[in-house]
Amino acid sequence: GSLTVAAGGNISEGGVLNVTGAASFTVGSGYDILLATQANDFHNSVTLAASSGTLNNVGVRNVDLTPGALTIPSPVHDLTLTYDNAALTLPAITVTGALNATSGGSIDQAGAITVTGTSTLSVTNGGSNILLAGYANNFGNTVSIGGGTGPNVSDFALWNTNAGATVPDLSTLSSLHNLTLIFDHAAIALPAAGVTTTGSLTVAAGGNISEGGGLNVTGAASFT
């Protein structure tokens, strides 16, 4: 059945949660919901909420093959999301701390994402995509590919409106197919290690576009 938890302080876990029905977790303003330390199996929707004000740190891990909808109010401080066996769609959200997203499939988004701190994106299965160019995101710090998962990335797309945007380290993306970089208000300096794609390369910058190494592009290349 369902699981409903409401606390006047933090919510955390000491063991695995296996919930067939809807799961709901509510805390007071400024408290944490930390459910990313165990291999939980949420078969249905997961809803996180603050009874007043805003949440602080949020973490959710779900090993289900077909997870239901995940609802997280905005803003939060640190956000950690791990879907071991499924694709992960990031919600429209503001993260005032760090974002850590790990997926057993591709990572995409349902709305614009704003992150003040660092963003780490990891895909654990080969042939997966990281597609964050569907909305005008604002990543205020570095965006990186999680350690050891770079070879699993096929298509990588990033739209960043921040004036201090920098190109992620692409050197570990050894299976890169299509690459898209859109920086509305910043220059784009392609990395010293060069870029190799078996598909297309699309680069759009609000400043200069330059290269630090060779570009090897099988498909169409576009620079704006």
N, C-alpha and C. Protein backbone atom coordinates (compact mmCIF):
# COMPACT_ATOMS: atom_id res chain seq x y z
N GLY A 1 0.82 -1.18 0.00
CA GLY A 1 0.00 0.00 0.00
C GLY A 1 0.86 1.25 0.00
N SER A 2 0.37 2.31 0.60
CA SER A 2 1.04 3.60 0.58
C SER A 2 1.87 3.82 1.84
N LEU A 3 2.77 4.80 1.75
CA LEU A 3 3.59 5.21 2.89
C LEU A 3 3.48 6.73 3.02
N THR A 4 3.08 7.19 4.20
CA THR A 4 2.97 8.63 4.47
C THR A 4 3.76 8.94 5.72
N VAL A 5 4.72 9.84 5.61
CA VAL A 5 5.58 10.21 6.73
C VAL A 5 5.60 11.73 6.84
N ALA A 6 5.28 12.24 8.03
CA ALA A 6 5.33 13.68 8.29
C ALA A 6 6.08 13.91 9.59
N ALA A 7 7.11 14.76 9.56
CA ALA A 7 7.96 14.97 10.72
C ALA A 7 8.16 16.44 10.99
N GLY A 8 8.42 16.75 12.26
CA GLY A 8 8.75 18.12 12.63
C GLY A 8 10.22 18.41 12.52
N GLY A 9 11.01 17.39 12.14
CA GLY A 9 12.45 17.54 11.93
C GLY A 9 12.84 16.82 10.66
N ASN A 10 14.09 16.35 10.59
CA ASN A 10 14.57 15.65 9.41
C ASN A 10 13.91 14.29 9.26
N ILE A 11 13.82 13.81 8.03
CA ILE A 11 13.44 12.43 7.73
C ILE A 11 14.65 11.74 7.12
N SER A 12 15.04 10.60 7.69
CA SER A 12 16.14 9.81 7.16
C SER A 12 15.74 8.35 7.19
N GLU A 13 16.65 7.46 6.80
CA GLU A 13 16.32 6.03 6.73
C GLU A 13 17.46 5.21 7.32
N GLY A 14 17.08 4.09 7.93
CA GLY A 14 18.06 3.19 8.48
C GLY A 14 18.10 1.86 7.77
N GLY A 15 17.20 1.67 6.81
CA GLY A 15 17.12 0.45 6.04
C GLY A 15 16.36 0.70 4.76
N VAL A 16 16.22 -0.36 3.96
CA VAL A 16 15.59 -0.24 2.64
C VAL A 16 14.09 -0.01 2.79
N LEU A 17 13.55 0.89 1.95
CA LEU A 17 12.12 1.13 1.87
C LEU A 17 11.59 0.49 0.59
N ASN A 18 10.61 -0.37 0.71
CA ASN A 18 9.98 -1.03 -0.43
C ASN A 18 8.49 -0.70 -0.38
N VAL A 19 8.05 0.19 -1.26
CA VAL A 19 6.69 0.73 -1.18
C VAL A 19 5.98 0.49 -2.50
N THR A 20 4.88 -0.25 -2.45
CA THR A 20 4.13 -0.55 -3.66
C THR A 20 3.27 0.62 -4.10
N GLY A 21 2.65 1.29 -3.15
CA GLY A 21 1.78 2.41 -3.47
C GLY A 21 2.51 3.74 -3.43
N ALA A 22 1.76 4.81 -3.36
CA ALA A 22 2.34 6.16 -3.33
C ALA A 22 3.09 6.38 -2.02
N ALA A 23 4.19 7.14 -2.09
CA ALA A 23 4.97 7.48 -0.90
C ALA A 23 5.02 9.00 -0.77
N SER A 24 4.79 9.47 0.45
CA SER A 24 4.75 10.90 0.70
C SER A 24 5.56 11.22 1.94
N PHE A 25 6.43 12.24 1.84
CA PHE A 25 7.31 12.63 2.95
C PHE A 25 7.22 14.15 3.12
N THR A 26 6.91 14.58 4.36
CA THR A 26 6.74 16.01 4.63
C THR A 26 7.51 16.38 5.88
N VAL A 27 8.25 17.49 5.80
CA VAL A 27 8.98 18.01 6.96
C VAL A 27 8.68 19.50 7.09
N GLY A 28 9.08 20.05 8.23
CA GLY A 28 8.94 21.48 8.45
C GLY A 28 9.99 22.27 7.68
N SER A 29 9.86 23.55 7.66
CA SER A 29 10.75 24.42 6.90
C SER A 29 12.20 24.29 7.36
N GLY A 30 13.11 24.14 6.38
CA GLY A 30 14.53 24.10 6.67
C GLY A 30 15.08 22.75 7.06
N TYR A 31 14.24 21.70 6.99
CA TYR A 31 14.71 20.36 7.35
C TYR A 31 15.00 19.52 6.11
N ASP A 32 15.66 18.37 6.35
CA ASP A 32 16.11 17.49 5.27
C ASP A 32 15.17 16.31 5.08
N ILE A 33 15.12 15.82 3.83
CA ILE A 33 14.54 14.52 3.52
C ILE A 33 15.63 13.73 2.82
N LEU A 34 16.21 12.77 3.54
CA LEU A 34 17.41 12.06 3.08
C LEU A 34 17.10 10.58 2.91
N LEU A 35 16.76 10.20 1.69
CA LEU A 35 16.35 8.84 1.36
C LEU A 35 17.21 8.28 0.23
N ALA A 36 18.51 8.59 0.27
CA ALA A 36 19.42 8.16 -0.80
C ALA A 36 20.52 7.25 -0.31
N THR A 37 20.42 6.75 0.93
CA THR A 37 21.50 5.92 1.48
C THR A 37 21.24 4.43 1.33
N GLN A 38 20.03 4.05 0.91
CA GLN A 38 19.66 2.65 0.79
C GLN A 38 19.08 2.37 -0.60
N ALA A 39 19.10 1.09 -0.98
CA ALA A 39 18.56 0.69 -2.29
C ALA A 39 17.05 0.56 -2.20
N ASN A 40 16.38 1.69 -2.09
CA ASN A 40 14.93 1.69 -1.95
C ASN A 40 14.24 1.32 -3.26
N ASP A 41 13.03 0.76 -3.12
CA ASP A 41 12.22 0.43 -4.29
C ASP A 41 10.86 1.09 -4.14
N PHE A 42 10.74 2.26 -4.76
CA PHE A 42 9.46 2.97 -4.79
C PHE A 42 8.78 2.63 -6.12
N HIS A 43 7.71 1.83 -6.05
CA HIS A 43 7.04 1.36 -7.27
C HIS A 43 6.11 2.41 -7.86
N ASN A 44 5.75 3.38 -7.07
CA ASN A 44 4.74 4.35 -7.48
C ASN A 44 5.29 5.76 -7.27
N SER A 45 4.44 6.73 -7.19
CA SER A 45 4.87 8.12 -7.06
C SER A 45 5.55 8.39 -5.72
N VAL A 46 6.48 9.34 -5.73
CA VAL A 46 7.14 9.81 -4.52
C VAL A 46 6.96 11.33 -4.47
N THR A 47 6.37 11.80 -3.38
CA THR A 47 6.12 13.22 -3.21
C THR A 47 6.83 13.73 -1.97
N LEU A 48 7.66 14.75 -2.15
CA LEU A 48 8.37 15.39 -1.05
C LEU A 48 7.78 16.78 -0.86
N ALA A 49 7.66 17.21 0.41
CA ALA A 49 7.02 18.49 0.66
C ALA A 49 7.53 19.10 1.95
N ALA A 50 7.39 20.42 2.04
CA ALA A 50 7.61 21.14 3.29
C ALA A 50 6.25 21.64 3.77
N SER A 51 5.95 21.42 5.04
CA SER A 51 4.65 21.85 5.57
C SER A 51 4.54 23.36 5.59
N SER A 52 5.70 24.03 5.65
CA SER A 52 5.77 25.48 5.51
C SER A 52 7.18 25.82 5.05
N GLY A 53 7.37 26.97 4.42
CA GLY A 53 8.70 27.35 3.99
C GLY A 53 9.26 26.42 2.93
N THR A 54 10.55 26.11 3.03
CA THR A 54 11.23 25.32 2.00
C THR A 54 12.01 24.17 2.63
N LEU A 55 12.31 23.17 1.79
CA LEU A 55 13.16 22.07 2.22
C LEU A 55 14.61 22.51 2.23
N ASN A 56 15.45 21.76 2.97
CA ASN A 56 16.90 21.99 2.94
C ASN A 56 17.53 20.98 1.99
N ASN A 57 18.19 19.95 2.49
CA ASN A 57 18.83 18.95 1.64
C ASN A 57 17.86 17.82 1.33
N VAL A 58 17.92 17.35 0.08
CA VAL A 58 17.01 16.30 -0.38
C VAL A 58 17.81 15.22 -1.08
N GLY A 59 17.51 13.97 -0.76
CA GLY A 59 18.12 12.84 -1.45
C GLY A 59 17.13 11.72 -1.62
N VAL A 60 17.07 11.15 -2.82
CA VAL A 60 16.19 10.01 -3.11
C VAL A 60 16.95 9.01 -3.96
N ARG A 61 16.92 7.75 -3.52
CA ARG A 61 17.43 6.65 -4.35
C ARG A 61 16.29 5.68 -4.62
N ASN A 62 16.19 5.25 -5.89
CA ASN A 62 15.12 4.34 -6.28
C ASN A 62 15.68 3.32 -7.25
N VAL A 63 15.53 2.02 -6.92
CA VAL A 63 16.04 0.96 -7.78
C VAL A 63 14.96 0.38 -8.69
N ASP A 64 13.76 0.92 -8.62
CA ASP A 64 12.65 0.37 -9.41
C ASP A 64 12.93 0.52 -10.91
N LEU A 65 12.45 -0.45 -11.69
CA LEU A 65 12.65 -0.42 -13.14
C LEU A 65 11.75 0.59 -13.82
N THR A 66 10.58 0.84 -13.25
CA THR A 66 9.62 1.77 -13.84
C THR A 66 9.07 2.69 -12.75
N PRO A 67 9.89 3.58 -12.23
CA PRO A 67 9.45 4.44 -11.12
C PRO A 67 8.33 5.39 -11.54
N GLY A 68 7.50 5.75 -10.54
CA GLY A 68 6.44 6.71 -10.78
C GLY A 68 6.96 8.13 -10.72
N ALA A 69 6.03 9.08 -10.73
CA ALA A 69 6.40 10.49 -10.74
C ALA A 69 7.10 10.89 -9.44
N LEU A 70 8.08 11.77 -9.58
CA LEU A 70 8.80 12.31 -8.43
C LEU A 70 8.48 13.80 -8.34
N THR A 71 7.96 14.23 -7.18
CA THR A 71 7.60 15.63 -6.98
C THR A 71 8.46 16.22 -5.88
N ILE A 72 9.19 17.29 -6.22
CA ILE A 72 10.06 17.97 -5.26
C ILE A 72 9.78 19.47 -5.35
N PRO A 73 9.45 20.11 -4.24
CA PRO A 73 9.22 21.56 -4.30
C PRO A 73 10.53 22.32 -4.48
N SER A 74 10.45 23.48 -5.06
CA SER A 74 11.62 24.33 -5.29
C SER A 74 11.52 25.58 -4.43
N PRO A 75 12.66 26.04 -3.84
CA PRO A 75 14.03 25.54 -4.01
C PRO A 75 14.37 24.49 -2.95
N VAL A 76 15.54 23.85 -3.17
CA VAL A 76 16.17 23.01 -2.16
C VAL A 76 17.64 23.43 -2.08
N HIS A 77 18.35 22.93 -1.05
CA HIS A 77 19.78 23.23 -0.97
C HIS A 77 20.55 22.19 -1.77
N ASP A 78 21.00 21.11 -1.18
CA ASP A 78 21.66 20.05 -1.95
C ASP A 78 20.62 19.05 -2.42
N LEU A 79 20.77 18.59 -3.67
CA LEU A 79 19.84 17.62 -4.24
C LEU A 79 20.62 16.43 -4.79
N THR A 80 20.31 15.23 -4.28
CA THR A 80 20.93 13.99 -4.75
C THR A 80 19.83 13.04 -5.22
N LEU A 81 19.87 12.67 -6.48
CA LEU A 81 18.89 11.75 -7.05
C LEU A 81 19.63 10.60 -7.71
N THR A 82 19.26 9.37 -7.33
CA THR A 82 19.87 8.17 -7.90
C THR A 82 18.77 7.21 -8.33
N TYR A 83 18.71 6.95 -9.62
CA TYR A 83 17.80 5.93 -10.18
C TYR A 83 18.69 4.84 -10.76
N ASP A 84 18.83 3.74 -10.03
CA ASP A 84 19.79 2.71 -10.41
C ASP A 84 19.46 2.02 -11.72
N ASN A 85 18.17 1.82 -11.99
CA ASN A 85 17.77 0.96 -13.09
C ASN A 85 16.81 1.62 -14.07
N ALA A 86 16.74 2.94 -14.05
CA ALA A 86 15.80 3.64 -14.91
C ALA A 86 16.37 4.98 -15.33
N ALA A 87 15.79 5.52 -16.39
CA ALA A 87 16.13 6.87 -16.81
C ALA A 87 15.65 7.86 -15.74
N LEU A 88 16.28 9.03 -15.72
CA LEU A 88 15.96 10.04 -14.71
C LEU A 88 15.62 11.35 -15.42
N THR A 89 14.41 11.84 -15.15
CA THR A 89 14.00 13.14 -15.65
C THR A 89 14.06 14.14 -14.51
N LEU A 90 14.96 15.11 -14.62
CA LEU A 90 15.10 16.10 -13.57
C LEU A 90 13.94 17.09 -13.64
N PRO A 91 13.37 17.45 -12.49
CA PRO A 91 12.25 18.40 -12.49
C PRO A 91 12.74 19.83 -12.68
N ALA A 92 11.84 20.72 -12.98
CA ALA A 92 12.16 22.15 -12.94
C ALA A 92 12.41 22.52 -11.48
N ILE A 93 13.62 23.00 -11.18
CA ILE A 93 13.97 23.20 -9.77
C ILE A 93 15.13 24.19 -9.64
N THR A 94 15.18 24.84 -8.48
CA THR A 94 16.32 25.66 -8.10
C THR A 94 17.05 24.96 -6.97
N VAL A 95 18.34 24.75 -7.16
CA VAL A 95 19.20 24.09 -6.17
C VAL A 95 20.23 25.12 -5.73
N THR A 96 20.17 25.53 -4.47
CA THR A 96 21.09 26.56 -3.98
C THR A 96 22.43 25.99 -3.55
N GLY A 97 22.55 24.68 -3.50
CA GLY A 97 23.81 24.00 -3.18
C GLY A 97 24.27 23.20 -4.38
N ALA A 98 24.52 21.91 -4.17
CA ALA A 98 25.06 21.04 -5.22
C ALA A 98 23.99 20.09 -5.74
N LEU A 99 24.12 19.73 -7.03
CA LEU A 99 23.25 18.75 -7.66
C LEU A 99 24.07 17.52 -8.01
N ASN A 100 23.59 16.35 -7.57
CA ASN A 100 24.20 15.08 -7.95
C ASN A 100 23.10 14.18 -8.50
N ALA A 101 23.22 13.83 -9.78
CA ALA A 101 22.20 13.01 -10.44
C ALA A 101 22.85 11.79 -11.06
N THR A 102 22.35 10.60 -10.72
CA THR A 102 22.89 9.35 -11.24
C THR A 102 21.74 8.53 -11.80
N SER A 103 21.93 8.00 -13.00
CA SER A 103 20.85 7.27 -13.66
C SER A 103 21.36 5.99 -14.27
N GLY A 104 20.51 4.96 -14.21
CA GLY A 104 20.78 3.71 -14.91
C GLY A 104 20.41 3.78 -16.37
N GLY A 105 19.86 4.91 -16.80
CA GLY A 105 19.54 5.17 -18.20
C GLY A 105 19.97 6.58 -18.52
N SER A 106 19.21 7.25 -19.35
CA SER A 106 19.53 8.62 -19.73
C SER A 106 19.06 9.61 -18.68
N ILE A 107 19.62 10.82 -18.73
CA ILE A 107 19.20 11.94 -17.89
C ILE A 107 18.66 13.03 -18.80
N ASP A 108 17.42 13.48 -18.52
CA ASP A 108 16.89 14.63 -19.24
C ASP A 108 16.17 15.53 -18.25
N GLN A 109 15.36 16.46 -18.74
CA GLN A 109 14.76 17.42 -17.84
C GLN A 109 13.33 17.73 -18.25
N ALA A 110 12.52 18.13 -17.23
CA ALA A 110 11.13 18.48 -17.46
C ALA A 110 10.91 19.99 -17.38
N GLY A 111 11.95 20.74 -17.02
CA GLY A 111 11.86 22.19 -16.89
C GLY A 111 13.22 22.78 -16.62
N ALA A 112 13.29 24.09 -16.53
CA ALA A 112 14.56 24.78 -16.32
C ALA A 112 15.15 24.45 -14.96
N ILE A 113 16.47 24.31 -14.93
CA ILE A 113 17.20 23.95 -13.72
C ILE A 113 18.18 25.08 -13.39
N THR A 114 18.17 25.52 -12.14
CA THR A 114 19.13 26.50 -11.65
C THR A 114 19.92 25.88 -10.52
N VAL A 115 21.24 25.89 -10.64
CA VAL A 115 22.11 25.30 -9.62
C VAL A 115 23.21 26.29 -9.27
N THR A 116 23.31 26.63 -7.98
CA THR A 116 24.34 27.56 -7.53
C THR A 116 25.69 26.87 -7.38
N GLY A 117 25.68 25.67 -6.85
CA GLY A 117 26.92 24.93 -6.62
C GLY A 117 27.30 24.06 -7.79
N THR A 118 28.09 23.03 -7.53
CA THR A 118 28.54 22.12 -8.59
C THR A 118 27.42 21.16 -9.00
N SER A 119 27.50 20.70 -10.23
CA SER A 119 26.55 19.71 -10.75
C SER A 119 27.33 18.52 -11.27
N THR A 120 26.99 17.32 -10.77
CA THR A 120 27.64 16.09 -11.21
C THR A 120 26.58 15.16 -11.80
N LEU A 121 26.79 14.76 -13.05
CA LEU A 121 25.83 13.94 -13.78
C LEU A 121 26.49 12.62 -14.14
N SER A 122 25.84 11.51 -13.78
CA SER A 122 26.43 10.19 -14.02
C SER A 122 25.40 9.27 -14.65
N VAL A 123 25.82 8.54 -15.69
CA VAL A 123 24.98 7.51 -16.29
C VAL A 123 25.76 6.20 -16.24
N THR A 124 25.15 5.16 -15.70
CA THR A 124 25.89 3.94 -15.38
C THR A 124 25.76 2.85 -16.44
N ASN A 125 24.96 3.07 -17.48
CA ASN A 125 24.81 2.08 -18.55
C ASN A 125 25.22 2.68 -19.89
N GLY A 126 25.91 1.90 -20.70
CA GLY A 126 26.37 2.37 -21.99
C GLY A 126 25.25 2.78 -22.91
N GLY A 127 25.54 3.72 -23.80
CA GLY A 127 24.55 4.18 -24.76
C GLY A 127 23.53 5.14 -24.19
N SER A 128 23.78 5.67 -23.02
CA SER A 128 22.85 6.60 -22.38
C SER A 128 23.16 8.03 -22.79
N ASN A 129 22.17 8.88 -22.68
CA ASN A 129 22.31 10.29 -23.05
C ASN A 129 22.19 11.19 -21.83
N ILE A 130 22.84 12.34 -21.88
CA ILE A 130 22.62 13.42 -20.91
C ILE A 130 22.14 14.61 -21.72
N LEU A 131 20.86 14.92 -21.59
CA LEU A 131 20.22 15.91 -22.46
C LEU A 131 19.61 17.02 -21.61
N LEU A 132 20.39 18.07 -21.43
CA LEU A 132 19.95 19.22 -20.63
C LEU A 132 20.01 20.49 -21.48
N ALA A 133 19.44 20.40 -22.68
CA ALA A 133 19.40 21.55 -23.57
C ALA A 133 17.97 21.87 -24.00
N GLY A 134 17.01 21.34 -23.27
CA GLY A 134 15.62 21.60 -23.62
C GLY A 134 15.05 22.85 -22.98
N TYR A 135 15.76 23.37 -21.98
CA TYR A 135 15.30 24.55 -21.26
C TYR A 135 16.50 25.45 -20.95
N ALA A 136 16.19 26.72 -20.65
CA ALA A 136 17.23 27.71 -20.36
C ALA A 136 17.72 27.56 -18.93
N ASN A 137 18.67 26.65 -18.73
CA ASN A 137 19.21 26.36 -17.40
C ASN A 137 20.24 27.41 -16.99
N ASN A 138 20.45 27.49 -15.68
CA ASN A 138 21.46 28.39 -15.14
C ASN A 138 22.34 27.61 -14.16
N PHE A 139 23.47 27.13 -14.66
CA PHE A 139 24.43 26.40 -13.83
C PHE A 139 25.52 27.39 -13.43
N GLY A 140 25.55 27.75 -12.14
CA GLY A 140 26.45 28.78 -11.67
C GLY A 140 27.84 28.30 -11.34
N ASN A 141 28.07 26.99 -11.43
CA ASN A 141 29.37 26.42 -11.10
C ASN A 141 29.67 25.33 -12.12
N THR A 142 30.68 24.51 -11.87
CA THR A 142 31.08 23.51 -12.85
C THR A 142 30.02 22.42 -13.02
N VAL A 143 29.92 21.94 -14.26
CA VAL A 143 29.11 20.78 -14.59
C VAL A 143 30.07 19.68 -14.99
N SER A 144 29.96 18.52 -14.36
CA SER A 144 30.92 17.45 -14.65
C SER A 144 30.20 16.12 -14.83
N ILE A 145 30.90 15.21 -15.51
CA ILE A 145 30.42 13.84 -15.70
C ILE A 145 31.00 13.00 -14.58
N GLY A 146 30.15 12.26 -13.89
CA GLY A 146 30.58 11.48 -12.73
C GLY A 146 31.70 10.51 -13.06
N GLY A 147 32.59 10.32 -12.10
CA GLY A 147 33.77 9.49 -12.27
C GLY A 147 33.48 8.12 -12.83
N GLY A 148 34.16 7.77 -13.91
CA GLY A 148 34.06 6.44 -14.50
C GLY A 148 32.87 6.23 -15.42
N THR A 149 31.96 7.20 -15.52
CA THR A 149 30.76 6.98 -16.33
C THR A 149 30.83 7.67 -17.69
N GLY A 150 31.89 8.42 -17.97
CA GLY A 150 32.00 9.13 -19.23
C GLY A 150 31.84 8.25 -20.46
N PRO A 151 32.47 7.04 -20.50
CA PRO A 151 32.34 6.19 -21.68
C PRO A 151 30.90 5.74 -21.96
N ASN A 152 30.01 5.89 -20.99
CA ASN A 152 28.62 5.47 -21.19
C ASN A 152 27.77 6.51 -21.91
N VAL A 153 28.32 7.72 -22.07
CA VAL A 153 27.54 8.83 -22.64
C VAL A 153 27.58 8.77 -24.16
N SER A 154 26.40 8.74 -24.78
CA SER A 154 26.30 8.79 -26.23
C SER A 154 26.07 10.23 -26.68
N ASP A 155 24.90 10.78 -26.40
CA ASP A 155 24.62 12.18 -26.74
C ASP A 155 24.73 13.04 -25.48
N PHE A 156 25.39 14.20 -25.62
CA PHE A 156 25.52 15.14 -24.50
C PHE A 156 25.07 16.50 -24.99
N ALA A 157 24.12 17.11 -24.26
CA ALA A 157 23.61 18.42 -24.63
C ALA A 157 23.44 19.26 -23.38
N LEU A 158 23.95 20.50 -23.44
CA LEU A 158 23.90 21.38 -22.28
C LEU A 158 23.57 22.80 -22.72
N TRP A 159 22.53 23.37 -22.12
CA TRP A 159 22.16 24.77 -22.32
C TRP A 159 22.37 25.48 -20.99
N ASN A 160 23.25 26.49 -21.00
CA ASN A 160 23.58 27.22 -19.78
C ASN A 160 23.53 28.72 -20.06
N THR A 161 22.68 29.42 -19.32
CA THR A 161 22.54 30.86 -19.51
C THR A 161 23.47 31.67 -18.61
N ASN A 162 24.21 31.01 -17.73
CA ASN A 162 25.06 31.73 -16.78
C ASN A 162 26.22 32.43 -17.49
N ALA A 163 26.52 33.65 -17.08
CA ALA A 163 27.60 34.42 -17.72
C ALA A 163 28.98 33.82 -17.46
N GLY A 164 29.10 32.99 -16.42
CA GLY A 164 30.37 32.36 -16.11
C GLY A 164 30.45 30.91 -16.56
N ALA A 165 29.60 30.51 -17.48
CA ALA A 165 29.55 29.12 -17.92
C ALA A 165 30.88 28.65 -18.49
N THR A 166 31.24 27.41 -18.17
CA THR A 166 32.45 26.80 -18.73
C THR A 166 32.10 25.43 -19.30
N VAL A 167 32.87 25.01 -20.27
CA VAL A 167 32.64 23.72 -20.91
C VAL A 167 33.04 22.59 -19.96
N PRO A 168 32.19 21.59 -19.78
CA PRO A 168 32.58 20.45 -18.93
C PRO A 168 33.79 19.72 -19.51
N ASP A 169 34.44 18.93 -18.68
CA ASP A 169 35.53 18.07 -19.13
C ASP A 169 34.92 16.97 -20.00
N LEU A 170 35.21 17.01 -21.28
CA LEU A 170 34.65 16.03 -22.22
C LEU A 170 35.62 14.90 -22.53
N SER A 171 36.78 14.89 -21.89
CA SER A 171 37.85 13.97 -22.28
C SER A 171 37.49 12.51 -22.02
N THR A 172 36.56 12.25 -21.10
CA THR A 172 36.22 10.85 -20.80
C THR A 172 35.07 10.34 -21.66
N LEU A 173 34.49 11.20 -22.51
CA LEU A 173 33.34 10.81 -23.33
C LEU A 173 33.83 10.11 -24.60
N SER A 174 34.34 8.90 -24.43
CA SER A 174 34.99 8.17 -25.51
C SER A 174 34.01 7.58 -26.51
N SER A 175 32.72 7.56 -26.18
CA SER A 175 31.69 7.02 -27.09
C SER A 175 30.74 8.11 -27.55
N LEU A 176 31.20 9.35 -27.56
CA LEU A 176 30.34 10.49 -27.84
C LEU A 176 29.80 10.45 -29.27
N HIS A 177 28.48 10.58 -29.38
CA HIS A 177 27.83 10.62 -30.69
C HIS A 177 27.53 12.07 -31.06
N ASN A 178 26.49 12.65 -30.47
CA ASN A 178 26.14 14.04 -30.75
C ASN A 178 26.50 14.93 -29.56
N LEU A 179 27.06 16.10 -29.84
CA LEU A 179 27.42 17.05 -28.79
C LEU A 179 26.77 18.40 -29.09
N THR A 180 26.05 18.95 -28.09
CA THR A 180 25.42 20.26 -28.22
C THR A 180 25.78 21.10 -27.01
N LEU A 181 26.32 22.29 -27.26
CA LEU A 181 26.65 23.24 -26.20
C LEU A 181 26.03 24.58 -26.57
N ILE A 182 25.18 25.11 -25.67
CA ILE A 182 24.53 26.40 -25.88
C ILE A 182 24.79 27.26 -24.65
N PHE A 183 25.60 28.30 -24.82
CA PHE A 183 25.90 29.23 -23.73
C PHE A 183 25.43 30.62 -24.18
N ASP A 184 24.32 31.08 -23.64
CA ASP A 184 23.73 32.34 -24.09
C ASP A 184 24.60 33.56 -23.83
N HIS A 185 25.30 33.56 -22.69
CA HIS A 185 25.98 34.78 -22.25
C HIS A 185 27.46 34.56 -21.98
N ALA A 186 28.05 33.54 -22.56
CA ALA A 186 29.45 33.23 -22.30
C ALA A 186 30.12 32.71 -23.57
N ALA A 187 31.43 32.89 -23.60
CA ALA A 187 32.22 32.29 -24.67
C ALA A 187 32.29 30.78 -24.49
N ILE A 188 32.63 30.09 -25.56
CA ILE A 188 32.82 28.63 -25.49
C ILE A 188 34.23 28.31 -25.99
N ALA A 189 35.05 27.77 -25.09
CA ALA A 189 36.40 27.34 -25.43
C ALA A 189 36.40 25.81 -25.45
N LEU A 190 36.41 25.24 -26.63
CA LEU A 190 36.42 23.78 -26.73
C LEU A 190 37.73 23.25 -26.17
N PRO A 191 37.72 22.08 -25.54
CA PRO A 191 38.83 21.65 -24.68
C PRO A 191 40.12 21.33 -25.42
N ALA A 192 41.21 21.39 -24.65
CA ALA A 192 42.54 21.12 -25.19
C ALA A 192 42.67 19.70 -25.69
N ALA A 193 41.89 18.79 -25.11
CA ALA A 193 41.95 17.39 -25.54
C ALA A 193 41.24 17.18 -26.87
N GLY A 194 40.61 18.24 -27.37
CA GLY A 194 39.88 18.12 -28.63
C GLY A 194 38.51 17.50 -28.42
N VAL A 195 37.78 17.35 -29.50
CA VAL A 195 36.44 16.77 -29.47
C VAL A 195 36.31 15.79 -30.62
N THR A 196 35.84 14.59 -30.32
CA THR A 196 35.56 13.59 -31.34
C THR A 196 34.11 13.15 -31.21
N THR A 197 33.34 13.32 -32.27
CA THR A 197 31.94 12.86 -32.27
C THR A 197 31.70 12.00 -33.50
N THR A 198 30.94 10.93 -33.31
CA THR A 198 30.54 10.11 -34.46
C THR A 198 29.26 10.64 -35.09
N GLY A 199 28.68 11.66 -34.47
CA GLY A 199 27.50 12.30 -35.00
C GLY A 199 27.77 13.76 -35.24
N SER A 200 26.88 14.61 -34.75
CA SER A 200 26.96 16.04 -35.02
C SER A 200 27.58 16.81 -33.87
N LEU A 201 28.01 18.05 -34.19
CA LEU A 201 28.52 18.99 -33.20
C LEU A 201 27.80 20.32 -33.40
N THR A 202 27.12 20.79 -32.33
CA THR A 202 26.41 22.06 -32.38
C THR A 202 26.90 22.94 -31.25
N VAL A 203 27.41 24.12 -31.59
CA VAL A 203 27.96 25.04 -30.60
C VAL A 203 27.36 26.42 -30.83
N ALA A 204 26.74 26.99 -29.80
CA ALA A 204 26.18 28.34 -29.88
C ALA A 204 26.64 29.11 -28.65
N ALA A 205 27.27 30.28 -28.86
CA ALA A 205 27.87 31.02 -27.75
C ALA A 205 27.44 32.48 -27.78
N GLY A 206 27.42 33.08 -26.58
CA GLY A 206 27.18 34.51 -26.45
C GLY A 206 28.46 35.31 -26.54
N GLY A 207 29.57 34.63 -26.75
CA GLY A 207 30.88 35.27 -26.91
C GLY A 207 31.66 34.53 -27.97
N ASN A 208 32.98 34.56 -27.87
CA ASN A 208 33.83 33.89 -28.85
C ASN A 208 33.71 32.38 -28.76
N ILE A 209 33.95 31.73 -29.88
CA ILE A 209 34.11 30.27 -29.92
C ILE A 209 35.55 29.99 -30.34
N SER A 210 36.25 29.18 -29.54
CA SER A 210 37.63 28.85 -29.85
C SER A 210 37.87 27.37 -29.58
N GLU A 211 39.03 26.90 -29.98
CA GLU A 211 39.36 25.49 -29.80
C GLU A 211 40.72 25.36 -29.13
N GLY A 212 40.84 24.31 -28.33
CA GLY A 212 42.11 24.05 -27.68
C GLY A 212 42.78 22.83 -28.23
N GLY A 213 42.05 22.08 -29.07
CA GLY A 213 42.57 20.85 -29.66
C GLY A 213 41.80 20.54 -30.92
N GLY A 214 42.16 19.43 -31.57
CA GLY A 214 41.54 19.07 -32.84
C GLY A 214 40.09 18.68 -32.69
N LEU A 215 39.29 18.99 -33.71
CA LEU A 215 37.88 18.60 -33.77
C LEU A 215 37.72 17.54 -34.84
N ASN A 216 37.16 16.40 -34.45
CA ASN A 216 36.94 15.29 -35.38
C ASN A 216 35.44 14.99 -35.36
N VAL A 217 34.73 15.46 -36.38
CA VAL A 217 33.28 15.40 -36.38
C VAL A 217 32.80 14.66 -37.62
N THR A 218 32.10 13.55 -37.43
CA THR A 218 31.62 12.75 -38.55
C THR A 218 30.40 13.37 -39.21
N GLY A 219 29.50 13.91 -38.40
CA GLY A 219 28.28 14.49 -38.92
C GLY A 219 28.41 15.99 -39.15
N ALA A 220 27.27 16.65 -39.21
CA ALA A 220 27.24 18.09 -39.45
C ALA A 220 27.77 18.85 -38.24
N ALA A 221 28.48 19.96 -38.51
CA ALA A 221 29.01 20.83 -37.45
C ALA A 221 28.46 22.22 -37.64
N SER A 222 27.97 22.81 -36.55
CA SER A 222 27.36 24.14 -36.60
C SER A 222 27.92 25.00 -35.49
N PHE A 223 28.33 26.23 -35.84
CA PHE A 223 28.90 27.17 -34.86
C PHE A 223 28.19 28.52 -35.00
N THR A 224 27.63 28.99 -33.89
CA THR A 224 26.84 30.23 -33.93
C THR A 224 27.28 31.18 -32.83
